[in-house]
Amino acid sequence: MGLDLRICPSCGDRADRPIVTGAVLTCRKCGHEWPFRKLPLFALTGPSGAGKSTMGPLLAERLAGDVVVLEQDILWIDALRDDVTAFRAVWLRMAAVLHQNGRPVVLCGTVAPPEFEPLPERAFFSDVHYLALVGTAESLRARLRARPAWREWDEPRIEEMLEFNDWLRTSAPELGVNLFDTTDVSTEATADHVEKWVRDRLP
């Protein structure tokens, strides 16, 4: 069986929209059925400056052996920047492949349910859990202004991120997103909270 869940191991056909029933895939062309590991995906999201990248290494150490922690921005490359939907789909396929090794993925990156839930690849996961790290506008603005120049955080881009922060705070209940405000919380306390959030939801 191949690791790309879109490709039928019997006839080799590739499905743009996989047929998934429970944890079984069915080939649209030949009807072959095969099981796969259907695990939850953990999306650690939130605006830039709220602490996602800081959490990555801490979570990788704390959760080693139980989950795989990934940084979304490593695939934010020219080939994918022009098609954000394709970027999201690639990440879901990547996570689904990693799940076939038996460990869930924690994906650290700016994402929201409307960007993942409609995609065909969403069917590869039992659940997608969302935890958004947020902050006050003042704290996020200060953190982003302090970043090195190569990260190109000019004022319009900062304001755009603050709008995303406000949108998350307002929309979280209806979207099913958990929030954690990191404004006055230490890095260790934030890591404690995120680790518990993941462990409480592990299969």
N, C-alpha and C. Protein backbone atom coordinates (compact mmCIF):
# COMPACT_ATOMS: atom_id res chain seq x y z
N MET A 1 0.83 -1.19 0.00
CA MET A 1 0.00 0.00 0.00
C MET A 1 0.88 1.25 0.00
N GLY A 2 0.59 2.19 -0.89
CA GLY A 2 1.34 3.43 -0.90
C GLY A 2 0.91 4.35 0.23
N LEU A 3 1.74 5.34 0.50
CA LEU A 3 1.42 6.26 1.59
C LEU A 3 0.52 7.41 1.15
N ASP A 4 0.50 7.72 -0.14
CA ASP A 4 -0.40 8.77 -0.64
C ASP A 4 -1.81 8.20 -0.67
N LEU A 5 -2.67 8.68 0.22
CA LEU A 5 -4.00 8.10 0.38
C LEU A 5 -4.91 8.36 -0.80
N ARG A 6 -4.51 9.23 -1.71
CA ARG A 6 -5.33 9.50 -2.89
C ARG A 6 -5.14 8.44 -3.98
N ILE A 7 -4.08 7.63 -3.86
CA ILE A 7 -3.72 6.69 -4.93
C ILE A 7 -4.15 5.28 -4.55
N CYS A 8 -4.93 4.67 -5.40
CA CYS A 8 -5.41 3.31 -5.17
C CYS A 8 -4.24 2.32 -5.26
N PRO A 9 -4.04 1.49 -4.23
CA PRO A 9 -2.94 0.52 -4.28
C PRO A 9 -3.22 -0.64 -5.22
N SER A 10 -4.46 -0.74 -5.72
CA SER A 10 -4.80 -1.84 -6.62
C SER A 10 -4.62 -1.46 -8.08
N CYS A 11 -5.25 -0.34 -8.51
CA CYS A 11 -5.18 0.02 -9.93
C CYS A 11 -4.32 1.25 -10.20
N GLY A 12 -3.91 1.96 -9.15
CA GLY A 12 -3.04 3.13 -9.33
C GLY A 12 -3.77 4.41 -9.67
N ASP A 13 -5.10 4.40 -9.70
CA ASP A 13 -5.85 5.62 -10.00
C ASP A 13 -5.68 6.62 -8.86
N ARG A 14 -5.64 7.91 -9.21
CA ARG A 14 -5.51 8.97 -8.19
C ARG A 14 -6.81 9.75 -8.10
N ALA A 15 -7.32 9.88 -6.90
CA ALA A 15 -8.60 10.55 -6.68
C ALA A 15 -8.39 11.97 -6.19
N ASP A 16 -8.96 12.94 -6.90
CA ASP A 16 -8.91 14.32 -6.42
C ASP A 16 -9.85 14.52 -5.23
N ARG A 17 -10.92 13.74 -5.20
CA ARG A 17 -11.87 13.77 -4.07
C ARG A 17 -12.06 12.34 -3.59
N PRO A 18 -11.29 11.91 -2.59
CA PRO A 18 -11.32 10.51 -2.14
C PRO A 18 -12.69 10.13 -1.57
N ILE A 19 -13.03 8.86 -1.76
CA ILE A 19 -14.24 8.30 -1.16
C ILE A 19 -13.83 7.66 0.17
N VAL A 20 -14.31 8.22 1.27
CA VAL A 20 -13.92 7.75 2.60
C VAL A 20 -15.17 7.38 3.38
N THR A 21 -15.18 6.15 3.91
CA THR A 21 -16.25 5.71 4.80
C THR A 21 -15.59 5.22 6.08
N GLY A 22 -15.76 5.98 7.16
CA GLY A 22 -15.05 5.63 8.39
C GLY A 22 -13.56 5.74 8.15
N ALA A 23 -12.85 4.64 8.36
CA ALA A 23 -11.41 4.61 8.13
C ALA A 23 -11.07 3.69 6.95
N VAL A 24 -11.95 3.70 5.95
CA VAL A 24 -11.75 2.88 4.76
C VAL A 24 -11.86 3.76 3.52
N LEU A 25 -10.91 3.61 2.62
CA LEU A 25 -10.93 4.31 1.34
C LEU A 25 -11.45 3.38 0.25
N THR A 26 -12.19 3.95 -0.70
CA THR A 26 -12.71 3.18 -1.83
C THR A 26 -12.28 3.84 -3.12
N CYS A 27 -11.71 3.07 -4.02
CA CYS A 27 -11.29 3.60 -5.31
C CYS A 27 -12.51 3.86 -6.19
N ARG A 28 -12.62 5.06 -6.69
CA ARG A 28 -13.74 5.43 -7.54
C ARG A 28 -13.71 4.65 -8.86
N LYS A 29 -12.52 4.27 -9.31
CA LYS A 29 -12.38 3.61 -10.62
C LYS A 29 -12.62 2.11 -10.56
N CYS A 30 -11.92 1.42 -9.64
CA CYS A 30 -11.99 -0.05 -9.63
C CYS A 30 -12.78 -0.62 -8.46
N GLY A 31 -13.17 0.23 -7.50
CA GLY A 31 -13.94 -0.24 -6.37
C GLY A 31 -13.14 -0.88 -5.26
N HIS A 32 -11.82 -0.93 -5.39
CA HIS A 32 -10.99 -1.52 -4.34
C HIS A 32 -11.12 -0.73 -3.04
N GLU A 33 -11.18 -1.45 -1.92
CA GLU A 33 -11.27 -0.82 -0.60
C GLU A 33 -10.03 -1.16 0.21
N TRP A 34 -9.56 -0.20 0.97
CA TRP A 34 -8.42 -0.46 1.84
C TRP A 34 -8.49 0.45 3.06
N PRO A 35 -8.04 -0.08 4.21
CA PRO A 35 -8.11 0.69 5.46
C PRO A 35 -6.92 1.66 5.58
N PHE A 36 -7.09 2.67 6.38
CA PHE A 36 -5.99 3.59 6.68
C PHE A 36 -6.13 4.07 8.12
N ARG A 37 -5.06 4.62 8.65
CA ARG A 37 -5.12 5.15 10.01
C ARG A 37 -5.75 6.54 9.97
N LYS A 38 -6.89 6.67 10.62
CA LYS A 38 -7.62 7.94 10.64
C LYS A 38 -7.49 8.54 12.03
N LEU A 39 -6.57 9.49 12.15
CA LEU A 39 -6.23 10.08 13.44
C LEU A 39 -6.65 11.55 13.49
N PRO A 40 -6.70 12.13 14.68
CA PRO A 40 -7.01 13.56 14.77
C PRO A 40 -5.80 14.42 14.38
N LEU A 41 -6.09 15.57 13.81
CA LEU A 41 -5.07 16.57 13.51
C LEU A 41 -5.24 17.71 14.51
N PHE A 42 -4.13 18.22 15.01
CA PHE A 42 -4.14 19.33 15.96
C PHE A 42 -3.59 20.58 15.28
N ALA A 43 -4.42 21.60 15.15
CA ALA A 43 -4.00 22.84 14.51
C ALA A 43 -3.77 23.89 15.59
N LEU A 44 -2.51 24.21 15.83
CA LEU A 44 -2.16 25.29 16.77
C LEU A 44 -2.05 26.56 15.95
N THR A 45 -3.06 27.40 16.05
CA THR A 45 -3.17 28.54 15.17
C THR A 45 -3.13 29.85 15.96
N GLY A 46 -3.49 30.92 15.30
CA GLY A 46 -3.49 32.24 15.92
C GLY A 46 -2.68 33.22 15.10
N PRO A 47 -2.76 34.49 15.43
CA PRO A 47 -2.02 35.51 14.70
C PRO A 47 -0.52 35.38 14.92
N SER A 48 0.25 35.89 13.98
CA SER A 48 1.70 35.97 14.18
C SER A 48 1.99 36.83 15.41
N GLY A 49 2.96 36.42 16.19
CA GLY A 49 3.31 37.17 17.39
C GLY A 49 2.69 36.63 18.66
N ALA A 50 1.76 35.68 18.53
CA ALA A 50 1.08 35.17 19.71
C ALA A 50 1.83 34.01 20.38
N GLY A 51 2.82 33.42 19.66
CA GLY A 51 3.65 32.41 20.30
C GLY A 51 3.69 31.04 19.67
N LYS A 52 3.11 30.87 18.47
CA LYS A 52 3.08 29.54 17.84
C LYS A 52 4.49 29.00 17.58
N SER A 53 5.34 29.81 16.98
CA SER A 53 6.69 29.33 16.64
C SER A 53 7.50 29.03 17.88
N THR A 54 7.27 29.79 18.94
CA THR A 54 7.96 29.53 20.21
C THR A 54 7.52 28.19 20.78
N MET A 55 6.25 27.87 20.60
CA MET A 55 5.72 26.62 21.14
C MET A 55 6.27 25.40 20.41
N GLY A 56 6.55 25.50 19.12
CA GLY A 56 6.96 24.35 18.33
C GLY A 56 8.06 23.51 18.97
N PRO A 57 9.24 24.09 19.24
CA PRO A 57 10.32 23.29 19.83
C PRO A 57 9.98 22.74 21.21
N LEU A 58 9.25 23.52 22.01
CA LEU A 58 8.88 23.06 23.34
C LEU A 58 7.94 21.86 23.26
N LEU A 59 6.97 21.94 22.36
CA LEU A 59 6.03 20.83 22.21
C LEU A 59 6.71 19.60 21.62
N ALA A 60 7.64 19.81 20.69
CA ALA A 60 8.36 18.68 20.10
C ALA A 60 9.12 17.91 21.18
N GLU A 61 9.65 18.64 22.17
CA GLU A 61 10.37 17.99 23.26
C GLU A 61 9.42 17.33 24.24
N ARG A 62 8.37 18.05 24.60
CA ARG A 62 7.43 17.54 25.59
C ARG A 62 6.59 16.36 25.09
N LEU A 63 6.25 16.39 23.82
CA LEU A 63 5.35 15.39 23.25
C LEU A 63 6.07 14.35 22.41
N ALA A 64 7.40 14.32 22.49
CA ALA A 64 8.19 13.38 21.69
C ALA A 64 7.72 11.95 21.94
N GLY A 65 7.53 11.22 20.84
CA GLY A 65 7.08 9.83 20.93
C GLY A 65 5.58 9.67 20.87
N ASP A 66 4.85 10.78 21.10
CA ASP A 66 3.38 10.72 21.08
C ASP A 66 2.78 11.41 19.86
N VAL A 67 3.38 12.51 19.43
CA VAL A 67 2.89 13.25 18.26
C VAL A 67 4.08 13.72 17.43
N VAL A 68 3.79 14.22 16.23
CA VAL A 68 4.80 14.86 15.39
C VAL A 68 4.42 16.34 15.30
N VAL A 69 5.34 17.21 15.69
CA VAL A 69 5.09 18.65 15.67
C VAL A 69 5.73 19.24 14.42
N LEU A 70 4.94 19.98 13.64
CA LEU A 70 5.41 20.56 12.38
C LEU A 70 5.15 22.05 12.33
N GLU A 71 6.03 22.77 11.64
CA GLU A 71 5.89 24.20 11.42
C GLU A 71 5.36 24.43 10.01
N GLN A 72 4.19 25.03 9.90
CA GLN A 72 3.53 25.21 8.61
C GLN A 72 4.36 26.04 7.63
N ASP A 73 5.08 27.02 8.12
CA ASP A 73 5.76 27.97 7.22
C ASP A 73 6.89 27.36 6.40
N ILE A 74 7.34 26.13 6.74
CA ILE A 74 8.44 25.56 5.97
C ILE A 74 8.03 25.27 4.53
N LEU A 75 6.72 25.17 4.27
CA LEU A 75 6.26 24.96 2.90
C LEU A 75 5.68 26.24 2.29
N TRP A 76 5.86 27.38 2.97
CA TRP A 76 5.38 28.65 2.41
C TRP A 76 6.43 29.14 1.41
N ILE A 77 6.45 28.46 0.26
CA ILE A 77 7.46 28.70 -0.77
C ILE A 77 6.78 29.28 -2.01
N ASP A 78 7.58 29.81 -2.92
CA ASP A 78 7.03 30.48 -4.10
C ASP A 78 6.06 29.60 -4.88
N ALA A 79 6.36 28.31 -4.97
CA ALA A 79 5.53 27.41 -5.76
C ALA A 79 4.12 27.27 -5.20
N LEU A 80 3.94 27.56 -3.90
CA LEU A 80 2.62 27.38 -3.28
C LEU A 80 1.97 28.69 -2.86
N ARG A 81 2.72 29.78 -2.82
CA ARG A 81 2.16 31.05 -2.33
C ARG A 81 1.06 31.58 -3.23
N ASP A 82 1.12 31.26 -4.51
CA ASP A 82 0.12 31.78 -5.44
C ASP A 82 -1.22 31.04 -5.35
N ASP A 83 -1.24 29.93 -4.63
CA ASP A 83 -2.47 29.15 -4.50
C ASP A 83 -2.58 28.67 -3.06
N VAL A 84 -3.22 29.48 -2.22
CA VAL A 84 -3.29 29.17 -0.79
C VAL A 84 -4.11 27.90 -0.54
N THR A 85 -5.13 27.66 -1.36
CA THR A 85 -5.92 26.43 -1.20
C THR A 85 -5.04 25.20 -1.43
N ALA A 86 -4.20 25.25 -2.46
CA ALA A 86 -3.27 24.14 -2.71
C ALA A 86 -2.29 23.98 -1.56
N PHE A 87 -1.85 25.09 -1.00
CA PHE A 87 -0.94 25.06 0.16
C PHE A 87 -1.59 24.31 1.32
N ARG A 88 -2.85 24.64 1.62
CA ARG A 88 -3.56 23.97 2.71
C ARG A 88 -3.75 22.48 2.40
N ALA A 89 -4.09 22.17 1.15
CA ALA A 89 -4.32 20.78 0.77
C ALA A 89 -3.04 19.95 0.88
N VAL A 90 -1.92 20.53 0.50
CA VAL A 90 -0.64 19.83 0.61
C VAL A 90 -0.35 19.50 2.07
N TRP A 91 -0.64 20.45 2.96
CA TRP A 91 -0.38 20.19 4.38
C TRP A 91 -1.27 19.08 4.91
N LEU A 92 -2.53 19.06 4.50
CA LEU A 92 -3.41 17.99 4.96
C LEU A 92 -2.94 16.63 4.43
N ARG A 93 -2.51 16.58 3.19
CA ARG A 93 -2.00 15.31 2.65
C ARG A 93 -0.73 14.89 3.38
N MET A 94 0.14 15.85 3.66
CA MET A 94 1.37 15.54 4.39
C MET A 94 1.05 14.98 5.78
N ALA A 95 0.13 15.62 6.48
CA ALA A 95 -0.23 15.15 7.81
C ALA A 95 -0.86 13.76 7.75
N ALA A 96 -1.70 13.52 6.74
CA ALA A 96 -2.35 12.21 6.61
C ALA A 96 -1.31 11.12 6.36
N VAL A 97 -0.30 11.42 5.56
CA VAL A 97 0.77 10.45 5.32
C VAL A 97 1.52 10.15 6.62
N LEU A 98 1.85 11.19 7.37
CA LEU A 98 2.54 10.99 8.65
C LEU A 98 1.69 10.18 9.62
N HIS A 99 0.39 10.36 9.56
CA HIS A 99 -0.50 9.60 10.44
C HIS A 99 -0.43 8.11 10.18
N GLN A 100 -0.06 7.72 8.98
CA GLN A 100 0.03 6.28 8.69
C GLN A 100 1.18 5.63 9.46
N ASN A 101 2.04 6.45 10.06
CA ASN A 101 3.08 5.93 10.94
C ASN A 101 2.60 5.75 12.37
N GLY A 102 1.36 6.19 12.64
CA GLY A 102 0.76 5.92 13.95
C GLY A 102 0.76 7.05 14.94
N ARG A 103 1.29 8.22 14.56
CA ARG A 103 1.32 9.33 15.51
C ARG A 103 0.61 10.55 14.92
N PRO A 104 -0.26 11.19 15.69
CA PRO A 104 -0.95 12.39 15.21
C PRO A 104 0.02 13.55 15.00
N VAL A 105 -0.41 14.49 14.18
CA VAL A 105 0.37 15.68 13.87
C VAL A 105 -0.19 16.89 14.61
N VAL A 106 0.72 17.70 15.17
CA VAL A 106 0.39 19.03 15.66
C VAL A 106 0.99 20.01 14.65
N LEU A 107 0.14 20.75 13.96
CA LEU A 107 0.58 21.67 12.92
C LEU A 107 0.51 23.09 13.46
N CYS A 108 1.67 23.75 13.54
CA CYS A 108 1.75 25.11 14.06
C CYS A 108 1.73 26.09 12.89
N GLY A 109 0.66 26.88 12.77
CA GLY A 109 0.59 27.82 11.66
C GLY A 109 -0.73 28.56 11.65
N THR A 110 -0.75 29.67 10.95
CA THR A 110 -1.94 30.50 10.88
C THR A 110 -2.97 29.86 9.96
N VAL A 111 -4.01 29.31 10.56
CA VAL A 111 -5.06 28.64 9.79
C VAL A 111 -6.36 28.76 10.58
N ALA A 112 -7.48 28.58 9.89
CA ALA A 112 -8.79 28.62 10.55
C ALA A 112 -9.67 27.55 9.93
N PRO A 113 -10.70 27.09 10.64
CA PRO A 113 -11.56 26.03 10.11
C PRO A 113 -12.09 26.27 8.70
N PRO A 114 -12.48 27.49 8.31
CA PRO A 114 -12.97 27.66 6.94
C PRO A 114 -11.94 27.34 5.85
N GLU A 115 -10.66 27.28 6.24
CA GLU A 115 -9.61 26.99 5.26
C GLU A 115 -9.31 25.49 5.17
N PHE A 116 -9.62 24.72 6.20
CA PHE A 116 -9.37 23.27 6.20
C PHE A 116 -10.64 22.45 5.97
N GLU A 117 -11.71 22.82 6.64
CA GLU A 117 -12.89 21.96 6.68
C GLU A 117 -13.51 21.67 5.31
N PRO A 118 -13.53 22.61 4.34
CA PRO A 118 -14.15 22.30 3.04
C PRO A 118 -13.30 21.44 2.10
N LEU A 119 -12.02 21.24 2.43
CA LEU A 119 -11.12 20.54 1.51
C LEU A 119 -11.41 19.04 1.47
N PRO A 120 -11.26 18.41 0.30
CA PRO A 120 -11.49 16.95 0.21
C PRO A 120 -10.60 16.16 1.17
N GLU A 121 -9.39 16.66 1.42
CA GLU A 121 -8.43 15.95 2.27
C GLU A 121 -8.86 15.93 3.74
N ARG A 122 -9.83 16.75 4.09
CA ARG A 122 -10.32 16.76 5.49
C ARG A 122 -10.85 15.38 5.88
N ALA A 123 -11.32 14.60 4.90
CA ALA A 123 -11.89 13.28 5.18
C ALA A 123 -10.86 12.30 5.72
N PHE A 124 -9.58 12.62 5.61
CA PHE A 124 -8.54 11.72 6.10
C PHE A 124 -8.38 11.76 7.62
N PHE A 125 -9.09 12.67 8.30
CA PHE A 125 -8.88 12.88 9.74
C PHE A 125 -10.16 12.63 10.52
N SER A 126 -10.01 12.00 11.68
CA SER A 126 -11.17 11.77 12.53
C SER A 126 -11.72 13.09 13.04
N ASP A 127 -10.84 13.98 13.44
CA ASP A 127 -11.20 15.32 13.90
C ASP A 127 -10.07 16.26 13.53
N VAL A 128 -10.38 17.54 13.44
CA VAL A 128 -9.34 18.57 13.43
C VAL A 128 -9.63 19.48 14.61
N HIS A 129 -8.72 19.47 15.57
CA HIS A 129 -8.87 20.29 16.77
C HIS A 129 -8.11 21.60 16.57
N TYR A 130 -8.73 22.71 16.94
CA TYR A 130 -8.12 24.02 16.74
C TYR A 130 -7.92 24.72 18.09
N LEU A 131 -6.70 25.16 18.33
CA LEU A 131 -6.40 26.00 19.48
C LEU A 131 -5.69 27.25 18.95
N ALA A 132 -6.28 28.41 19.21
CA ALA A 132 -5.70 29.67 18.74
C ALA A 132 -5.05 30.41 19.90
N LEU A 133 -3.76 30.69 19.74
CA LEU A 133 -3.08 31.59 20.66
C LEU A 133 -3.36 33.01 20.19
N VAL A 134 -3.85 33.85 21.07
CA VAL A 134 -4.19 35.22 20.73
C VAL A 134 -3.54 36.16 21.73
N GLY A 135 -3.70 37.46 21.51
CA GLY A 135 -3.15 38.46 22.41
C GLY A 135 -3.86 39.78 22.23
N THR A 136 -3.53 40.74 23.07
CA THR A 136 -4.08 42.07 22.88
C THR A 136 -3.42 42.72 21.67
N ALA A 137 -4.09 43.68 21.08
CA ALA A 137 -3.52 44.38 19.93
C ALA A 137 -2.18 45.02 20.28
N GLU A 138 -2.10 45.58 21.47
CA GLU A 138 -0.86 46.27 21.89
C GLU A 138 0.30 45.28 22.00
N SER A 139 0.05 44.11 22.59
CA SER A 139 1.14 43.15 22.77
C SER A 139 1.59 42.57 21.42
N LEU A 140 0.65 42.26 20.55
CA LEU A 140 1.01 41.71 19.25
C LEU A 140 1.74 42.74 18.40
N ARG A 141 1.27 43.97 18.43
CA ARG A 141 1.92 45.03 17.65
C ARG A 141 3.38 45.20 18.10
N ALA A 142 3.60 45.20 19.39
CA ALA A 142 4.97 45.36 19.91
C ALA A 142 5.86 44.19 19.52
N ARG A 143 5.33 42.98 19.60
CA ARG A 143 6.13 41.80 19.26
C ARG A 143 6.48 41.79 17.77
N LEU A 144 5.54 42.14 16.93
CA LEU A 144 5.78 42.11 15.48
C LEU A 144 6.73 43.23 15.05
N ARG A 145 6.62 44.38 15.68
CA ARG A 145 7.55 45.48 15.36
C ARG A 145 8.97 45.14 15.77
N ALA A 146 9.12 44.28 16.76
CA ALA A 146 10.45 43.93 17.26
C ALA A 146 11.12 42.83 16.44
N ARG A 147 10.42 42.26 15.50
CA ARG A 147 11.00 41.17 14.71
C ARG A 147 12.05 41.69 13.74
N PRO A 148 12.99 40.82 13.35
CA PRO A 148 14.06 41.25 12.44
C PRO A 148 13.51 41.70 11.09
N ALA A 149 14.27 42.56 10.43
CA ALA A 149 13.80 43.20 9.19
C ALA A 149 13.49 42.19 8.09
N TRP A 150 14.23 41.06 8.05
CA TRP A 150 14.02 40.10 6.96
C TRP A 150 12.62 39.51 6.97
N ARG A 151 11.91 39.62 8.10
CA ARG A 151 10.56 39.08 8.18
C ARG A 151 9.51 40.04 7.62
N GLU A 152 9.93 41.26 7.32
CA GLU A 152 9.13 42.23 6.55
C GLU A 152 7.79 42.55 7.20
N TRP A 153 7.81 42.85 8.48
CA TRP A 153 6.58 43.22 9.17
C TRP A 153 6.42 44.74 9.15
N ASP A 154 5.86 45.25 8.05
CA ASP A 154 5.57 46.68 7.98
C ASP A 154 4.21 46.94 8.63
N GLU A 155 3.86 48.21 8.78
CA GLU A 155 2.65 48.56 9.52
C GLU A 155 1.36 48.02 8.87
N PRO A 156 1.19 48.09 7.54
CA PRO A 156 -0.03 47.52 6.96
C PRO A 156 -0.17 46.03 7.21
N ARG A 157 0.95 45.32 7.15
CA ARG A 157 0.89 43.88 7.39
C ARG A 157 0.57 43.58 8.85
N ILE A 158 1.10 44.39 9.75
CA ILE A 158 0.80 44.23 11.17
C ILE A 158 -0.69 44.44 11.42
N GLU A 159 -1.25 45.50 10.82
CA GLU A 159 -2.67 45.78 11.02
C GLU A 159 -3.54 44.66 10.47
N GLU A 160 -3.12 44.06 9.37
CA GLU A 160 -3.86 42.93 8.81
C GLU A 160 -3.88 41.76 9.78
N MET A 161 -2.74 41.52 10.44
CA MET A 161 -2.67 40.43 11.40
C MET A 161 -3.51 40.73 12.64
N LEU A 162 -3.56 41.99 13.04
CA LEU A 162 -4.39 42.36 14.19
C LEU A 162 -5.88 42.16 13.87
N GLU A 163 -6.24 42.37 12.63
CA GLU A 163 -7.63 42.12 12.21
C GLU A 163 -7.95 40.62 12.31
N PHE A 164 -6.98 39.79 11.93
CA PHE A 164 -7.18 38.34 12.06
C PHE A 164 -7.33 37.95 13.52
N ASN A 165 -6.53 38.56 14.39
CA ASN A 165 -6.61 38.32 15.83
C ASN A 165 -8.01 38.67 16.34
N ASP A 166 -8.53 39.83 15.94
CA ASP A 166 -9.86 40.25 16.37
C ASP A 166 -10.93 39.30 15.83
N TRP A 167 -10.77 38.88 14.57
CA TRP A 167 -11.74 37.97 13.97
C TRP A 167 -11.77 36.64 14.71
N LEU A 168 -10.60 36.11 15.07
CA LEU A 168 -10.55 34.86 15.82
C LEU A 168 -11.27 34.99 17.15
N ARG A 169 -10.99 36.07 17.86
CA ARG A 169 -11.61 36.27 19.17
C ARG A 169 -13.14 36.30 19.05
N THR A 170 -13.64 36.93 18.01
CA THR A 170 -15.08 37.07 17.82
C THR A 170 -15.72 35.80 17.31
N SER A 171 -15.04 35.11 16.39
CA SER A 171 -15.64 33.98 15.68
C SER A 171 -15.37 32.63 16.32
N ALA A 172 -14.46 32.56 17.28
CA ALA A 172 -14.04 31.27 17.85
C ALA A 172 -15.20 30.40 18.32
N PRO A 173 -16.18 30.93 19.05
CA PRO A 173 -17.24 30.04 19.55
C PRO A 173 -18.01 29.34 18.43
N GLU A 174 -18.37 30.06 17.39
CA GLU A 174 -19.14 29.45 16.32
C GLU A 174 -18.29 28.54 15.45
N LEU A 175 -16.97 28.77 15.43
CA LEU A 175 -16.07 27.94 14.62
C LEU A 175 -15.58 26.70 15.36
N GLY A 176 -15.81 26.64 16.67
CA GLY A 176 -15.31 25.52 17.45
C GLY A 176 -13.82 25.62 17.72
N VAL A 177 -13.31 26.85 17.83
CA VAL A 177 -11.88 27.08 18.09
C VAL A 177 -11.69 27.45 19.56
N ASN A 178 -10.76 26.76 20.22
CA ASN A 178 -10.39 27.13 21.58
C ASN A 178 -9.42 28.30 21.54
N LEU A 179 -9.53 29.20 22.50
CA LEU A 179 -8.65 30.37 22.57
C LEU A 179 -7.80 30.32 23.83
N PHE A 180 -6.57 30.86 23.69
CA PHE A 180 -5.70 31.03 24.86
C PHE A 180 -4.94 32.33 24.68
N ASP A 181 -5.16 33.28 25.58
CA ASP A 181 -4.52 34.59 25.49
C ASP A 181 -3.14 34.54 26.13
N THR A 182 -2.11 34.81 25.32
CA THR A 182 -0.72 34.71 25.80
C THR A 182 -0.15 36.05 26.26
N THR A 183 -0.99 37.10 26.31
CA THR A 183 -0.48 38.45 26.57
C THR A 183 0.35 38.51 27.84
N ASP A 184 -0.19 38.02 28.94
CA ASP A 184 0.50 38.12 30.24
C ASP A 184 0.84 36.75 30.81
N VAL A 185 1.08 35.78 29.92
CA VAL A 185 1.35 34.41 30.35
C VAL A 185 2.77 34.04 29.94
N SER A 186 3.49 33.36 30.82
CA SER A 186 4.86 32.96 30.51
C SER A 186 4.89 31.90 29.42
N THR A 187 6.05 31.77 28.81
CA THR A 187 6.22 30.74 27.77
C THR A 187 5.96 29.35 28.33
N GLU A 188 6.46 29.08 29.52
CA GLU A 188 6.29 27.75 30.12
C GLU A 188 4.83 27.47 30.42
N ALA A 189 4.13 28.48 30.94
CA ALA A 189 2.71 28.29 31.25
C ALA A 189 1.89 28.08 29.98
N THR A 190 2.27 28.78 28.92
CA THR A 190 1.59 28.56 27.63
C THR A 190 1.84 27.14 27.13
N ALA A 191 3.09 26.69 27.24
CA ALA A 191 3.42 25.33 26.81
C ALA A 191 2.67 24.30 27.65
N ASP A 192 2.52 24.56 28.94
CA ASP A 192 1.75 23.65 29.80
C ASP A 192 0.31 23.53 29.29
N HIS A 193 -0.27 24.69 28.96
CA HIS A 193 -1.66 24.70 28.50
C HIS A 193 -1.82 23.95 27.18
N VAL A 194 -0.92 24.21 26.23
CA VAL A 194 -1.02 23.58 24.92
C VAL A 194 -0.77 22.08 25.03
N GLU A 195 0.22 21.70 25.82
CA GLU A 195 0.48 20.26 26.00
C GLU A 195 -0.73 19.55 26.57
N LYS A 196 -1.37 20.13 27.58
CA LYS A 196 -2.55 19.51 28.17
C LYS A 196 -3.68 19.43 27.15
N TRP A 197 -3.85 20.50 26.36
CA TRP A 197 -4.89 20.51 25.33
C TRP A 197 -4.69 19.36 24.35
N VAL A 198 -3.45 19.12 23.94
CA VAL A 198 -3.18 18.01 23.02
C VAL A 198 -3.40 16.67 23.70
N ARG A 199 -2.82 16.49 24.87
CA ARG A 199 -2.90 15.19 25.53
C ARG A 199 -4.34 14.80 25.87
N ASP A 200 -5.16 15.79 26.23
CA ASP A 200 -6.56 15.50 26.56
C ASP A 200 -7.34 14.99 25.36
N ARG A 201 -6.82 15.21 24.14
CA ARG A 201 -7.54 14.86 22.92
C ARG A 201 -6.87 13.75 22.12
N LEU A 202 -5.78 13.20 22.63
CA LEU A 202 -5.11 12.11 21.94
C LEU A 202 -5.99 10.86 21.94
N PRO A 203 -5.97 10.10 20.85
CA PRO A 203 -6.78 8.87 20.79
C PRO A 203 -6.22 7.82 21.74
